[in-house]
Structure formats: structure tokens, C-alpha cells
Amino acid sequence: MSTETVPAATADDPTIPPTEPCSVVWCGGRPYVLEAGGVSPRWVGTDGRGRPETLSNAQLQIRGWSHRRSGNRRSH
């Protein structure tokens, strides 16, 4: 099998966030959208109080993320 036909990360790989601009993931019960353009990718969403928040790929991975909204939401 050629490495050209195997994707670097599958959509179900929970360790690597998507790289396609405008992708949506869930983190801490809130949606984050991958901002298009820029030097390094950043995820844009809101914190627990509704204030704008940006996360890097590394921050998103540390906090944990999912392609689907989970049932348990963090409350602060």
C-alpha cells in the first residue's frame, strides 16, 4: 500500500485535531472552529462565561476534544 493513499490522520483519530479550515470540534462542552489562514492554526470558541477564547492545537489536545458534543459539561 502506498503512503499516498493512506491519510495522515483519520477523522476518528481522537489524538490529532482536524486540519481543514472551518472544522468544528467540541472541548469542555463548547464548540470551537478552526480559523482559516494565519501562520499557526488556532481554534476559536468561547470560555465558560461566553467570552471569546482561542486555543492552539496543543491546548486543545491537553484539554481533550471530540468530534461530537459529549453529555457531560463542565460547570464553573
PDB file of N, CA and C in Angstrom:
ATOM      1  N   MET A   1       0.844  -1.171   0.000  1.00  0.00           N
ATOM      2  CA  MET A   1       0.000   0.000   0.000  1.00  0.00           C
ATOM      3  C   MET A   1       0.889   1.233   0.000  1.00  0.00           C
ATOM      4  N   SER A   2       0.609   2.164  -0.857  1.00  0.00           N
ATOM      5  CA  SER A   2       1.376   3.392  -0.962  1.00  0.00           C
ATOM      6  C   SER A   2       1.010   4.361   0.157  1.00  0.00           C
ATOM      7  N   THR A   3       1.992   5.129   0.649  1.00  0.00           N
ATOM      8  CA  THR A   3       1.703   6.106   1.699  1.00  0.00           C
ATOM      9  C   THR A   3       0.860   7.259   1.166  1.00  0.00           C
ATOM     10  N   GLU A   4       0.787   7.397  -0.162  1.00  0.00           N
ATOM     11  CA  GLU A   4      -0.037   8.446  -0.752  1.00  0.00           C
ATOM     12  C   GLU A   4      -1.525   8.168  -0.596  1.00  0.00           C
ATOM     13  N   THR A   5      -1.902   6.909  -0.443  1.00  0.00           N
ATOM     14  CA  THR A   5      -3.312   6.570  -0.323  1.00  0.00           C
ATOM     15  C   THR A   5      -3.763   6.483   1.131  1.00  0.00           C
ATOM     16  N   VAL A   6      -2.862   6.551   2.080  1.00  0.00           N
ATOM     17  CA  VAL A   6      -3.213   6.460   3.494  1.00  0.00           C
ATOM     18  C   VAL A   6      -3.200   7.860   4.097  1.00  0.00           C
ATOM     19  N   PRO A   7      -4.343   8.324   4.632  1.00  0.00           N
ATOM     20  CA  PRO A   7      -4.371   9.664   5.225  1.00  0.00           C
ATOM     21  C   PRO A   7      -3.514   9.732   6.474  1.00  0.00           C
ATOM     22  N   ALA A   8      -2.934  10.892   6.734  1.00  0.00           N
ATOM     23  CA  ALA A   8      -2.076  11.082   7.907  1.00  0.00           C
ATOM     24  C   ALA A   8      -2.864  10.876   9.192  1.00  0.00           C
ATOM     25  N   ALA A   9      -4.080  11.340   9.231  1.00  0.00           N
ATOM     26  CA  ALA A   9      -4.936  11.165  10.411  1.00  0.00           C
ATOM     27  C   ALA A   9      -6.357  10.927   9.932  1.00  0.00           C
ATOM     28  N   THR A  10      -6.999   9.924  10.483  1.00  0.00           N
ATOM     29  CA  THR A  10      -8.371   9.656  10.110  1.00  0.00           C
ATOM     30  C   THR A  10      -9.297  10.547  10.914  1.00  0.00           C
ATOM     31  N   ALA A  11     -10.519  10.672  10.460  1.00  0.00           N
ATOM     32  CA  ALA A  11     -11.498  11.522  11.146  1.00  0.00           C
ATOM     33  C   ALA A  11     -11.809  11.009  12.541  1.00  0.00           C
ATOM     34  N   ASP A  12     -11.587   9.721  12.791  1.00  0.00           N
ATOM     35  CA  ASP A  12     -11.896   9.152  14.097  1.00  0.00           C
ATOM     36  C   ASP A  12     -10.699   9.134  15.035  1.00  0.00           C
ATOM     37  N   ASP A  13      -9.547   9.655  14.629  1.00  0.00           N
ATOM     38  CA  ASP A  13      -8.355   9.679  15.474  1.00  0.00           C
ATOM     39  C   ASP A  13      -8.527  10.764  16.538  1.00  0.00           C
ATOM     40  N   PRO A  14      -8.735  10.393  17.807  1.00  0.00           N
ATOM     41  CA  PRO A  14      -9.009  11.381  18.850  1.00  0.00           C
ATOM     42  C   PRO A  14      -7.782  12.143  19.332  1.00  0.00           C
ATOM     43  N   THR A  15      -6.609  11.824  18.821  1.00  0.00           N
ATOM     44  CA  THR A  15      -5.411  12.497  19.316  1.00  0.00           C
ATOM     45  C   THR A  15      -4.989  13.671  18.460  1.00  0.00           C
ATOM     46  N   ILE A  16      -5.398  13.704  17.196  1.00  0.00           N
ATOM     47  CA  ILE A  16      -4.976  14.757  16.284  1.00  0.00           C
ATOM     48  C   ILE A  16      -6.200  15.537  15.826  1.00  0.00           C
ATOM     49  N   PRO A  17      -6.287  16.832  16.170  1.00  0.00           N
ATOM     50  CA  PRO A  17      -7.428  17.627  15.712  1.00  0.00           C
ATOM     51  C   PRO A  17      -7.436  17.765  14.195  1.00  0.00           C
ATOM     52  N   PRO A  18      -8.595  18.010  13.602  1.00  0.00           N
ATOM     53  CA  PRO A  18      -8.681  18.206  12.152  1.00  0.00           C
ATOM     54  C   PRO A  18      -7.829  19.390  11.699  1.00  0.00           C
ATOM     55  N   THR A  19      -7.488  19.404  10.434  1.00  0.00           N
ATOM     56  CA  THR A  19      -6.663  20.486   9.896  1.00  0.00           C
ATOM     57  C   THR A  19      -7.395  21.303   8.838  1.00  0.00           C
ATOM     58  N   GLU A  20      -8.579  20.901   8.460  1.00  0.00           N
ATOM     59  CA  GLU A  20      -9.365  21.598   7.444  1.00  0.00           C
ATOM     60  C   GLU A  20      -9.972  22.864   8.053  1.00  0.00           C
ATOM     61  N   PRO A  21      -9.714  24.049   7.456  1.00  0.00           N
ATOM     62  CA  PRO A  21     -10.302  25.290   7.983  1.00  0.00           C
ATOM     63  C   PRO A  21     -11.818  25.179   8.128  1.00  0.00           C
ATOM     64  N   CYS A  22     -12.342  25.802   9.140  1.00  0.00           N
ATOM     65  CA  CYS A  22     -13.771  25.817   9.466  1.00  0.00           C
ATOM     66  C   CYS A  22     -14.259  24.500  10.066  1.00  0.00           C
ATOM     67  N   SER A  23     -13.332  23.567  10.402  1.00  0.00           N
ATOM     68  CA  SER A  23     -13.717  22.343  11.089  1.00  0.00           C
ATOM     69  C   SER A  23     -14.229  22.704  12.480  1.00  0.00           C
ATOM     70  N   VAL A  24     -15.164  21.917  12.997  1.00  0.00           N
ATOM     71  CA  VAL A  24     -15.724  22.157  14.321  1.00  0.00           C
ATOM     72  C   VAL A  24     -15.421  20.962  15.209  1.00  0.00           C
ATOM     73  N   VAL A  25     -14.931  21.239  16.422  1.00  0.00           N
ATOM     74  CA  VAL A  25     -14.730  20.207  17.431  1.00  0.00           C
ATOM     75  C   VAL A  25     -15.350  20.704  18.735  1.00  0.00           C
ATOM     76  N   TRP A  26     -15.519  19.794  19.679  1.00  0.00           N
ATOM     77  CA  TRP A  26     -16.074  20.133  20.986  1.00  0.00           C
ATOM     78  C   TRP A  26     -14.997  19.958  22.038  1.00  0.00           C
ATOM     79  N   CYS A  27     -14.942  20.916  22.950  1.00  0.00           N
ATOM     80  CA  CYS A  27     -13.973  20.875  24.043  1.00  0.00           C
ATOM     81  C   CYS A  27     -14.637  21.499  25.261  1.00  0.00           C
ATOM     82  N   GLY A  28     -14.700  20.755  26.357  1.00  0.00           N
ATOM     83  CA  GLY A  28     -15.327  21.276  27.564  1.00  0.00           C
ATOM     84  C   GLY A  28     -16.794  21.597  27.392  1.00  0.00           C
ATOM     85  N   GLY A  29     -17.474  20.883  26.490  1.00  0.00           N
ATOM     86  CA  GLY A  29     -18.894  21.109  26.267  1.00  0.00           C
ATOM     87  C   GLY A  29     -19.204  22.289  25.365  1.00  0.00           C
ATOM     88  N   ARG A  30     -18.181  22.877  24.744  1.00  0.00           N
ATOM     89  CA  ARG A  30     -18.374  24.047  23.889  1.00  0.00           C
ATOM     90  C   ARG A  30     -17.734  23.814  22.522  1.00  0.00           C
ATOM     91  N   PRO A  31     -18.352  24.373  21.466  1.00  0.00           N
ATOM     92  CA  PRO A  31     -17.777  24.196  20.122  1.00  0.00           C
ATOM     93  C   PRO A  31     -16.618  25.149  19.870  1.00  0.00           C
ATOM     94  N   TYR A  32     -15.643  24.692  19.097  1.00  0.00           N
ATOM     95  CA  TYR A  32     -14.513  25.500  18.651  1.00  0.00           C
ATOM     96  C   TYR A  32     -14.353  25.288  17.152  1.00  0.00           C
ATOM     97  N   VAL A  33     -14.091  26.375  16.431  1.00  0.00           N
ATOM     98  CA  VAL A  33     -13.960  26.340  14.972  1.00  0.00           C
ATOM     99  C   VAL A  33     -12.523  26.663  14.605  1.00  0.00           C
ATOM    100  N   LEU A  34     -11.950  25.903  13.681  1.00  0.00           N
ATOM    101  CA  LEU A  34     -10.587  26.150  13.226  1.00  0.00           C
ATOM    102  C   LEU A  34     -10.588  27.352  12.292  1.00  0.00           C
ATOM    103  N   GLU A  35      -9.862  28.383  12.692  1.00  0.00           N
ATOM    104  CA  GLU A  35      -9.801  29.620  11.914  1.00  0.00           C
ATOM    105  C   GLU A  35      -8.925  29.420  10.678  1.00  0.00           C
ATOM    106  N   ALA A  36      -9.408  29.891   9.560  1.00  0.00           N
ATOM    107  CA  ALA A  36      -8.663  29.769   8.316  1.00  0.00           C
ATOM    108  C   ALA A  36      -7.573  30.829   8.244  1.00  0.00           C
ATOM    109  N   GLY A  37      -6.478  30.494   7.580  1.00  0.00           N
ATOM    110  CA  GLY A  37      -5.385  31.443   7.393  1.00  0.00           C
ATOM    111  C   GLY A  37      -4.500  31.537   8.619  1.00  0.00           C
ATOM    112  N   GLY A  38      -3.600  32.504   8.584  1.00  0.00           N
ATOM    113  CA  GLY A  38      -2.697  32.684   9.715  1.00  0.00           C
ATOM    114  C   GLY A  38      -1.497  31.764   9.635  1.00  0.00           C
ATOM    115  N   VAL A  39      -0.516  32.051  10.461  1.00  0.00           N
ATOM    116  CA  VAL A  39       0.718  31.269  10.472  1.00  0.00           C
ATOM    117  C   VAL A  39       0.503  29.916  11.137  1.00  0.00           C
ATOM    118  N   SER A  40      -0.102  29.924  12.323  1.00  0.00           N
ATOM    119  CA  SER A  40      -0.363  28.667  13.016  1.00  0.00           C
ATOM    120  C   SER A  40      -1.871  28.533  13.230  1.00  0.00           C
ATOM    121  N   PRO A  41      -2.373  27.316  13.131  1.00  0.00           N
ATOM    122  CA  PRO A  41      -3.816  27.140  13.283  1.00  0.00           C
ATOM    123  C   PRO A  41      -4.259  27.479  14.702  1.00  0.00           C
ATOM    124  N   ARG A  42      -5.446  28.086  14.817  1.00  0.00           N
ATOM    125  CA  ARG A  42      -5.985  28.334  16.145  1.00  0.00           C
ATOM    126  C   ARG A  42      -7.475  28.059  16.132  1.00  0.00           C
ATOM    127  N   TRP A  43      -7.936  27.559  17.248  1.00  0.00           N
ATOM    128  CA  TRP A  43      -9.329  27.196  17.419  1.00  0.00           C
ATOM    129  C   TRP A  43     -10.026  28.323  18.153  1.00  0.00           C
ATOM    130  N   VAL A  44     -11.150  28.785  17.617  1.00  0.00           N
ATOM    131  CA  VAL A  44     -11.872  29.918  18.170  1.00  0.00           C
ATOM    132  C   VAL A  44     -13.199  29.435  18.743  1.00  0.00           C
ATOM    133  N   GLY A  45     -13.456  29.851  19.982  1.00  0.00           N
ATOM    134  CA  GLY A  45     -14.703  29.494  20.647  1.00  0.00           C
ATOM    135  C   GLY A  45     -14.947  30.463  21.788  1.00  0.00           C
ATOM    136  N   THR A  46     -15.647  30.013  22.814  1.00  0.00           N
ATOM    137  CA  THR A  46     -15.900  30.837  23.986  1.00  0.00           C
ATOM    138  C   THR A  46     -15.560  30.072  25.249  1.00  0.00           C
ATOM    139  N   ASP A  47     -15.223  30.813  26.311  1.00  0.00           N
ATOM    140  CA  ASP A  47     -14.950  30.167  27.591  1.00  0.00           C
ATOM    141  C   ASP A  47     -16.274  29.925  28.317  1.00  0.00           C
ATOM    142  N   GLY A  48     -16.193  29.483  29.549  1.00  0.00           N
ATOM    143  CA  GLY A  48     -17.391  29.160  30.326  1.00  0.00           C
ATOM    144  C   GLY A  48     -18.298  30.338  30.616  1.00  0.00           C
ATOM    145  N   ARG A  49     -17.790  31.544  30.451  1.00  0.00           N
ATOM    146  CA  ARG A  49     -18.591  32.750  30.685  1.00  0.00           C
ATOM    147  C   ARG A  49     -19.035  33.421  29.395  1.00  0.00           C
ATOM    148  N   GLY A  50     -18.789  32.766  28.262  1.00  0.00           N
ATOM    149  CA  GLY A  50     -19.217  33.299  26.978  1.00  0.00           C
ATOM    150  C   GLY A  50     -18.250  34.282  26.348  1.00  0.00           C
ATOM    151  N   ARG A  51     -17.065  34.433  26.913  1.00  0.00           N
ATOM    152  CA  ARG A  51     -16.061  35.341  26.360  1.00  0.00           C
ATOM    153  C   ARG A  51     -15.281  34.645  25.253  1.00  0.00           C
ATOM    154  N   PRO A  52     -14.866  35.391  24.213  1.00  0.00           N
ATOM    155  CA  PRO A  52     -14.078  34.790  23.125  1.00  0.00           C
ATOM    156  C   PRO A  52     -12.799  34.150  23.670  1.00  0.00           C
ATOM    157  N   GLU A  53     -12.454  33.003  23.109  1.00  0.00           N
ATOM    158  CA  GLU A  53     -11.265  32.269  23.538  1.00  0.00           C
ATOM    159  C   GLU A  53     -10.640  31.598  22.325  1.00  0.00           C
ATOM    160  N   THR A  54      -9.316  31.613  22.252  1.00  0.00           N
ATOM    161  CA  THR A  54      -8.622  30.889  21.200  1.00  0.00           C
ATOM    162  C   THR A  54      -7.716  29.850  21.832  1.00  0.00           C
ATOM    163  N   LEU A  55      -7.614  28.701  21.179  1.00  0.00           N
ATOM    164  CA  LEU A  55      -6.765  27.608  21.648  1.00  0.00           C
ATOM    165  C   LEU A  55      -5.864  27.156  20.507  1.00  0.00           C
ATOM    166  N   SER A  56      -4.643  26.778  20.840  1.00  0.00           N
ATOM    167  CA  SER A  56      -3.760  26.165  19.854  1.00  0.00           C
ATOM    168  C   SER A  56      -4.109  24.682  19.761  1.00  0.00           C
ATOM    169  N   ASN A  57      -3.542  23.994  18.781  1.00  0.00           N
ATOM    170  CA  ASN A  57      -3.737  22.547  18.687  1.00  0.00           C
ATOM    171  C   ASN A  57      -3.288  21.856  19.969  1.00  0.00           C
ATOM    172  N   ALA A  58      -2.131  22.296  20.512  1.00  0.00           N
ATOM    173  CA  ALA A  58      -1.602  21.677  21.732  1.00  0.00           C
ATOM    174  C   ALA A  58      -2.549  21.882  22.911  1.00  0.00           C
ATOM    175  N   GLN A  59      -3.085  23.086  23.067  1.00  0.00           N
ATOM    176  CA  GLN A  59      -4.016  23.351  24.165  1.00  0.00           C
ATOM    177  C   GLN A  59      -5.281  22.520  24.011  1.00  0.00           C
ATOM    178  N   LEU A  60      -5.752  22.387  22.796  1.00  0.00           N
ATOM    179  CA  LEU A  60      -6.948  21.594  22.531  1.00  0.00           C
ATOM    180  C   LEU A  60      -6.707  20.133  22.898  1.00  0.00           C
ATOM    181  N   GLN A  61      -5.542  19.607  22.543  1.00  0.00           N
ATOM    182  CA  GLN A  61      -5.215  18.224  22.855  1.00  0.00           C
ATOM    183  C   GLN A  61      -5.084  18.010  24.365  1.00  0.00           C
ATOM    184  N   ILE A  62      -4.497  18.958  25.074  1.00  0.00           N
ATOM    185  CA  ILE A  62      -4.349  18.830  26.529  1.00  0.00           C
ATOM    186  C   ILE A  62      -5.702  18.839  27.218  1.00  0.00           C
ATOM    187  N   ARG A  63      -6.582  19.716  26.788  1.00  0.00           N
ATOM    188  CA  ARG A  63      -7.910  19.822  27.406  1.00  0.00           C
ATOM    189  C   ARG A  63      -8.821  18.655  27.035  1.00  0.00           C
ATOM    190  N   GLY A  64      -8.549  18.042  25.910  1.00  0.00           N
ATOM    191  CA  GLY A  64      -9.397  16.959  25.414  1.00  0.00           C
ATOM    192  C   GLY A  64     -10.457  17.520  24.490  1.00  0.00           C
ATOM    193  N   TRP A  65     -10.705  16.831  23.405  1.00  0.00           N
ATOM    194  CA  TRP A  65     -11.659  17.299  22.426  1.00  0.00           C
ATOM    195  C   TRP A  65     -12.369  16.121  21.791  1.00  0.00           C
ATOM    196  N   SER A  66     -13.434  16.396  21.063  1.00  0.00           N
ATOM    197  CA  SER A  66     -14.207  15.360  20.416  1.00  0.00           C
ATOM    198  C   SER A  66     -14.838  15.925  19.144  1.00  0.00           C
ATOM    199  N   HIS A  67     -15.188  15.032  18.231  1.00  0.00           N
ATOM    200  CA  HIS A  67     -15.920  15.444  17.032  1.00  0.00           C
ATOM    201  C   HIS A  67     -17.395  15.650  17.369  1.00  0.00           C
ATOM    202  N   ARG A  68     -17.832  15.099  18.487  1.00  0.00           N
ATOM    203  CA  ARG A  68     -19.236  15.185  18.889  1.00  0.00           C
ATOM    204  C   ARG A  68     -19.344  15.811  20.271  1.00  0.00           C
ATOM    205  N   ARG A  69     -20.456  16.494  20.487  1.00  0.00           N
ATOM    206  CA  ARG A  69     -20.716  17.084  21.791  1.00  0.00           C
ATOM    207  C   ARG A  69     -20.953  15.959  22.801  1.00  0.00           C
ATOM    208  N   SER A  70     -20.253  16.013  23.926  1.00  0.00           N
ATOM    209  CA  SER A  70     -20.442  14.984  24.942  1.00  0.00           C
ATOM    210  C   SER A  70     -21.561  15.396  25.888  1.00  0.00           C
ATOM    211  N   GLY A  71     -22.089  14.435  26.603  1.00  0.00           N
ATOM    212  CA  GLY A  71     -23.192  14.694  27.519  1.00  0.00           C
ATOM    213  C   GLY A  71     -22.797  15.428  28.781  1.00  0.00           C
ATOM    214  N   ASN A  72     -21.549  15.271  29.228  1.00  0.00           N
ATOM    215  CA  ASN A  72     -21.165  15.927  30.469  1.00  0.00           C
ATOM    216  C   ASN A  72     -20.463  17.248  30.192  1.00  0.00           C
ATOM    217  N   ARG A  73     -21.037  18.308  30.711  1.00  0.00           N
ATOM    218  CA  ARG A  73     -20.465  19.646  30.531  1.00  0.00           C
ATOM    219  C   ARG A  73     -19.840  20.093  31.836  1.00  0.00           C
ATOM    220  N   ARG A  74     -18.722  20.753  31.727  1.00  0.00           N
ATOM    221  CA  ARG A  74     -18.066  21.287  32.915  1.00  0.00           C
ATOM    222  C   ARG A  74     -18.833  22.509  33.391  1.00  0.00           C
ATOM    223  N   SER A  75     -19.023  22.613  34.679  1.00  0.00           N
ATOM    224  CA  SER A  75     -19.652  23.819  35.228  1.00  0.00           C
ATOM    225  C   SER A  75     -18.670  24.501  36.138  1.00  0.00           C
ATOM    226  N   HIS A  76     -18.588  25.806  36.018  1.00  0.00           N
ATOM    227  CA  HIS A  76     -17.650  26.586  36.820  1.00  0.00           C
ATOM    228  C   HIS A  76     -18.390  27.484  37.753  1.00  0.00           C
TER     229      HIS A  76
END
